[in-house]
N, C-alpha and C. Protein backbone atom coordinates (compact mmCIF):
# COMPACT_ATOMS: atom_id res chain seq x y z
N MET A 1 35.79 0.98 7.82
CA MET A 1 35.21 1.98 6.96
C MET A 1 34.13 2.74 7.74
N MET A 2 34.25 4.01 7.77
CA MET A 2 33.34 4.86 8.54
C MET A 2 32.29 5.47 7.61
N ILE A 3 31.05 5.40 8.02
CA ILE A 3 29.97 6.00 7.24
C ILE A 3 29.85 7.46 7.63
N ASN A 4 29.72 8.30 6.64
CA ASN A 4 29.56 9.72 6.87
C ASN A 4 28.26 9.97 7.65
N LYS A 5 28.28 10.95 8.55
CA LYS A 5 27.10 11.23 9.38
C LYS A 5 25.94 11.72 8.54
N ASN A 6 26.21 12.48 7.47
CA ASN A 6 25.12 12.95 6.62
C ASN A 6 24.45 11.80 5.87
N ILE A 7 25.25 10.82 5.46
CA ILE A 7 24.67 9.68 4.75
C ILE A 7 23.81 8.84 5.69
N LEU A 8 24.31 8.61 6.89
CA LEU A 8 23.54 7.84 7.87
C LEU A 8 22.25 8.58 8.26
N LYS A 9 22.36 9.89 8.42
CA LYS A 9 21.17 10.68 8.76
C LYS A 9 20.15 10.66 7.63
N SER A 10 20.61 10.72 6.39
CA SER A 10 19.68 10.71 5.27
C SER A 10 19.05 9.33 5.08
N ILE A 11 19.79 8.25 5.36
CA ILE A 11 19.20 6.91 5.26
C ILE A 11 18.13 6.73 6.33
N LEU A 12 18.40 7.16 7.55
CA LEU A 12 17.41 7.04 8.62
C LEU A 12 16.19 7.93 8.37
N THR A 13 16.43 9.12 7.83
CA THR A 13 15.32 10.01 7.49
C THR A 13 14.47 9.40 6.38
N GLY A 14 15.11 8.84 5.36
CA GLY A 14 14.37 8.20 4.28
C GLY A 14 13.57 7.01 4.75
N ALA A 15 14.14 6.21 5.65
CA ALA A 15 13.42 5.05 6.19
C ALA A 15 12.22 5.49 7.02
N PHE A 16 12.39 6.55 7.81
CA PHE A 16 11.28 7.05 8.62
C PHE A 16 10.16 7.60 7.74
N ILE A 17 10.52 8.39 6.74
CA ILE A 17 9.50 8.98 5.86
C ILE A 17 8.77 7.90 5.07
N SER A 18 9.51 6.92 4.55
CA SER A 18 8.85 5.86 3.78
C SER A 18 7.98 4.97 4.66
N THR A 19 8.38 4.75 5.91
CA THR A 19 7.54 3.99 6.83
C THR A 19 6.26 4.75 7.13
N PHE A 20 6.37 6.05 7.32
CA PHE A 20 5.18 6.87 7.57
C PHE A 20 4.24 6.86 6.36
N ILE A 21 4.79 6.98 5.16
CA ILE A 21 3.96 6.95 3.96
C ILE A 21 3.30 5.58 3.78
N THR A 22 4.05 4.51 4.03
CA THR A 22 3.50 3.16 3.89
C THR A 22 2.36 2.92 4.87
N VAL A 23 2.55 3.29 6.11
CA VAL A 23 1.50 3.07 7.11
C VAL A 23 0.28 3.95 6.82
N SER A 24 0.50 5.18 6.40
CA SER A 24 -0.64 6.06 6.11
C SER A 24 -1.41 5.58 4.88
N LEU A 25 -0.72 5.07 3.87
CA LEU A 25 -1.43 4.54 2.70
C LEU A 25 -2.17 3.25 3.04
N LEU A 26 -1.57 2.44 3.89
CA LEU A 26 -2.25 1.21 4.31
C LEU A 26 -3.50 1.55 5.12
N ALA A 27 -3.39 2.54 5.99
CA ALA A 27 -4.56 2.96 6.78
C ALA A 27 -5.63 3.58 5.88
N SER A 28 -5.22 4.33 4.87
CA SER A 28 -6.21 4.94 3.98
C SER A 28 -6.92 3.89 3.13
N SER A 29 -6.26 2.76 2.87
CA SER A 29 -6.93 1.71 2.09
C SER A 29 -8.03 1.03 2.91
N PHE A 30 -7.93 1.05 4.23
CA PHE A 30 -9.00 0.50 5.06
C PHE A 30 -10.23 1.39 5.06
N PHE A 31 -10.06 2.67 4.72
CA PHE A 31 -11.18 3.60 4.71
C PHE A 31 -11.73 3.83 3.31
N GLY A 32 -11.42 2.95 2.38
CA GLY A 32 -12.03 3.02 1.06
C GLY A 32 -11.20 3.70 -0.01
N LEU A 33 -10.01 4.15 0.31
CA LEU A 33 -9.16 4.79 -0.70
C LEU A 33 -8.11 3.80 -1.19
N SER A 34 -8.56 2.69 -1.72
CA SER A 34 -7.64 1.62 -2.08
C SER A 34 -6.81 1.95 -3.31
N TYR A 35 -7.26 2.88 -4.15
CA TYR A 35 -6.50 3.21 -5.36
C TYR A 35 -5.16 3.85 -5.00
N LEU A 36 -5.06 4.55 -3.87
CA LEU A 36 -3.77 5.10 -3.45
C LEU A 36 -2.78 3.99 -3.11
N PHE A 37 -3.26 2.96 -2.46
CA PHE A 37 -2.39 1.86 -2.09
C PHE A 37 -2.01 1.04 -3.32
N LYS A 38 -2.89 0.97 -4.32
CA LYS A 38 -2.55 0.28 -5.56
C LYS A 38 -1.42 0.98 -6.28
N VAL A 39 -1.43 2.29 -6.27
CA VAL A 39 -0.33 3.05 -6.89
C VAL A 39 0.97 2.78 -6.15
N PHE A 40 0.91 2.69 -4.83
CA PHE A 40 2.09 2.39 -4.03
C PHE A 40 2.63 1.00 -4.35
N ILE A 41 1.74 0.04 -4.54
CA ILE A 41 2.16 -1.32 -4.86
C ILE A 41 2.77 -1.37 -6.26
N TYR A 42 2.15 -0.70 -7.23
CA TYR A 42 2.71 -0.67 -8.59
C TYR A 42 4.06 0.02 -8.62
N PHE A 43 4.27 0.94 -7.70
CA PHE A 43 5.53 1.66 -7.60
C PHE A 43 6.69 0.72 -7.26
N GLY A 44 6.41 -0.35 -6.55
CA GLY A 44 7.46 -1.27 -6.11
C GLY A 44 7.76 -2.41 -7.06
N TYR A 45 7.00 -2.55 -8.15
CA TYR A 45 7.23 -3.67 -9.05
C TYR A 45 8.62 -3.70 -9.69
N PRO A 46 9.21 -2.59 -10.09
CA PRO A 46 10.57 -2.70 -10.66
C PRO A 46 11.59 -3.24 -9.66
N PHE A 47 11.47 -2.86 -8.40
CA PHE A 47 12.40 -3.36 -7.39
C PHE A 47 12.09 -4.79 -7.00
N LEU A 48 10.88 -5.24 -7.26
CA LEU A 48 10.50 -6.61 -6.94
C LEU A 48 11.27 -7.61 -7.79
N TYR A 49 11.57 -7.26 -9.04
CA TYR A 49 12.34 -8.15 -9.89
C TYR A 49 13.77 -8.32 -9.37
N ILE A 50 14.33 -7.26 -8.82
CA ILE A 50 15.67 -7.35 -8.22
C ILE A 50 15.61 -8.18 -6.94
N LEU A 51 14.58 -7.95 -6.13
CA LEU A 51 14.43 -8.69 -4.88
C LEU A 51 14.20 -10.18 -5.13
N GLU A 52 13.54 -10.48 -6.24
CA GLU A 52 13.28 -11.88 -6.59
C GLU A 52 14.59 -12.64 -6.85
N LYS A 53 15.55 -11.96 -7.45
CA LYS A 53 16.84 -12.61 -7.74
C LYS A 53 17.73 -12.70 -6.51
N LEU A 54 17.55 -11.80 -5.55
CA LEU A 54 18.42 -11.77 -4.37
C LEU A 54 17.99 -12.73 -3.27
N VAL A 55 16.69 -12.95 -3.12
CA VAL A 55 16.18 -13.75 -2.01
C VAL A 55 15.98 -15.20 -2.47
N PRO A 56 16.62 -16.17 -1.83
CA PRO A 56 16.43 -17.57 -2.24
C PRO A 56 15.06 -18.09 -1.82
N SER A 57 14.57 -19.05 -2.56
CA SER A 57 13.23 -19.59 -2.27
C SER A 57 13.19 -20.34 -0.94
N SER A 58 14.32 -20.88 -0.51
CA SER A 58 14.33 -21.57 0.78
C SER A 58 14.07 -20.59 1.93
N PHE A 59 14.53 -19.34 1.78
CA PHE A 59 14.25 -18.33 2.80
C PHE A 59 12.78 -17.96 2.82
N VAL A 60 12.17 -17.92 1.64
CA VAL A 60 10.74 -17.59 1.56
C VAL A 60 9.92 -18.66 2.27
N TYR A 61 10.25 -19.93 2.03
CA TYR A 61 9.49 -21.01 2.69
C TYR A 61 9.84 -21.14 4.16
N TRP A 62 11.01 -20.66 4.57
CA TRP A 62 11.32 -20.63 5.99
C TRP A 62 10.51 -19.54 6.68
N LEU A 63 10.36 -18.40 6.00
CA LEU A 63 9.62 -17.26 6.57
C LEU A 63 8.12 -17.53 6.57
N PHE A 64 7.61 -18.04 5.46
CA PHE A 64 6.20 -18.38 5.31
C PHE A 64 6.11 -19.84 4.86
N PRO A 65 5.86 -20.76 5.79
CA PRO A 65 5.86 -22.19 5.42
C PRO A 65 4.84 -22.55 4.35
N GLU A 66 3.72 -21.84 4.29
CA GLU A 66 2.71 -22.14 3.29
C GLU A 66 3.04 -21.49 1.95
N GLY A 67 3.94 -20.50 1.96
CA GLY A 67 4.31 -19.80 0.72
C GLY A 67 3.15 -19.00 0.17
N SER A 68 3.02 -18.94 -1.08
CA SER A 68 1.91 -18.38 -1.85
C SER A 68 1.55 -16.95 -1.48
N ALA A 69 0.31 -16.67 -1.15
CA ALA A 69 -0.20 -15.31 -1.02
C ALA A 69 0.45 -14.48 0.10
N PRO A 70 0.60 -14.98 1.32
CA PRO A 70 1.24 -14.14 2.33
C PRO A 70 2.67 -13.75 1.98
N ALA A 71 3.39 -14.67 1.38
CA ALA A 71 4.77 -14.36 0.98
C ALA A 71 4.79 -13.33 -0.13
N GLY A 72 3.87 -13.45 -1.07
CA GLY A 72 3.80 -12.49 -2.17
C GLY A 72 3.47 -11.10 -1.69
N VAL A 73 2.49 -11.00 -0.81
CA VAL A 73 2.12 -9.68 -0.28
C VAL A 73 3.27 -9.08 0.52
N PHE A 74 3.94 -9.90 1.31
CA PHE A 74 5.06 -9.41 2.10
C PHE A 74 6.17 -8.86 1.20
N PHE A 75 6.52 -9.60 0.17
CA PHE A 75 7.61 -9.16 -0.70
C PHE A 75 7.22 -7.99 -1.59
N ILE A 76 5.96 -7.88 -1.96
CA ILE A 76 5.51 -6.70 -2.71
C ILE A 76 5.59 -5.47 -1.83
N LEU A 77 5.14 -5.58 -0.58
CA LEU A 77 5.24 -4.44 0.34
C LEU A 77 6.69 -4.11 0.67
N LEU A 78 7.53 -5.13 0.82
CA LEU A 78 8.94 -4.90 1.09
C LEU A 78 9.62 -4.21 -0.08
N ALA A 79 9.29 -4.61 -1.29
CA ALA A 79 9.89 -3.98 -2.47
C ALA A 79 9.43 -2.53 -2.61
N SER A 80 8.15 -2.28 -2.38
CA SER A 80 7.65 -0.91 -2.47
C SER A 80 8.28 -0.03 -1.39
N TRP A 81 8.35 -0.55 -0.19
CA TRP A 81 8.96 0.22 0.90
C TRP A 81 10.44 0.47 0.64
N SER A 82 11.15 -0.53 0.14
CA SER A 82 12.58 -0.38 -0.13
C SER A 82 12.85 0.66 -1.21
N GLN A 83 12.06 0.61 -2.27
CA GLN A 83 12.26 1.59 -3.34
C GLN A 83 11.93 2.99 -2.86
N LEU A 84 10.88 3.14 -2.08
CA LEU A 84 10.55 4.45 -1.54
C LEU A 84 11.60 4.93 -0.55
N THR A 85 12.19 4.02 0.22
CA THR A 85 13.26 4.38 1.15
C THR A 85 14.48 4.90 0.40
N ILE A 86 14.84 4.24 -0.69
CA ILE A 86 15.99 4.69 -1.47
C ILE A 86 15.76 6.07 -2.05
N ILE A 87 14.58 6.30 -2.58
CA ILE A 87 14.27 7.61 -3.17
C ILE A 87 14.23 8.70 -2.10
N MET A 88 13.59 8.42 -0.98
CA MET A 88 13.51 9.43 0.08
C MET A 88 14.88 9.68 0.72
N ALA A 89 15.71 8.65 0.82
CA ALA A 89 17.05 8.84 1.36
C ALA A 89 17.89 9.70 0.42
N ALA A 90 17.75 9.50 -0.87
CA ALA A 90 18.49 10.32 -1.83
C ALA A 90 18.01 11.77 -1.77
N MET A 91 16.71 11.97 -1.68
CA MET A 91 16.18 13.34 -1.61
C MET A 91 16.63 14.03 -0.32
N SER A 92 16.59 13.32 0.78
CA SER A 92 17.01 13.95 2.04
C SER A 92 18.51 14.17 2.07
N HIS A 93 19.28 13.31 1.39
CA HIS A 93 20.73 13.52 1.33
C HIS A 93 21.05 14.81 0.56
N PHE A 94 20.36 15.03 -0.54
CA PHE A 94 20.57 16.28 -1.27
C PHE A 94 20.13 17.49 -0.46
N TYR A 95 19.07 17.30 0.33
CA TYR A 95 18.62 18.40 1.20
C TYR A 95 19.67 18.71 2.26
N PHE A 96 20.24 17.68 2.88
CA PHE A 96 21.25 17.92 3.93
C PHE A 96 22.53 18.50 3.35
N ILE A 97 22.91 18.12 2.13
CA ILE A 97 24.09 18.69 1.50
C ILE A 97 23.84 20.16 1.16
N LYS A 98 22.66 20.45 0.63
CA LYS A 98 22.32 21.82 0.26
C LYS A 98 22.23 22.72 1.49
N LYS A 99 21.81 22.13 2.61
CA LYS A 99 21.66 22.88 3.85
C LYS A 99 23.01 23.31 4.41
N LEU A 100 24.04 22.51 4.14
CA LEU A 100 25.37 22.85 4.62
C LEU A 100 25.87 24.01 3.84
């Protein structure tokens, strides 16, 4: 099965844009603008429920042997980044289709 070049390009573009937004919001939270990062974290909560069902607990304890807070922060950030990647990939896909 071959992936269309526009779909692959839009997925990579969405991942790049969401990584840039995540890093910039994380950096802005170090300078006292923590409310922006809180909005980003709240944005990922719907996807966190899906991620909770997909990832087994044995993988969580393999990744973080102590579990608890580091694992929670990691999965909250992963869920927020994943949801933002999906949205940005969809937006860039429509942009690339419209551009053609």
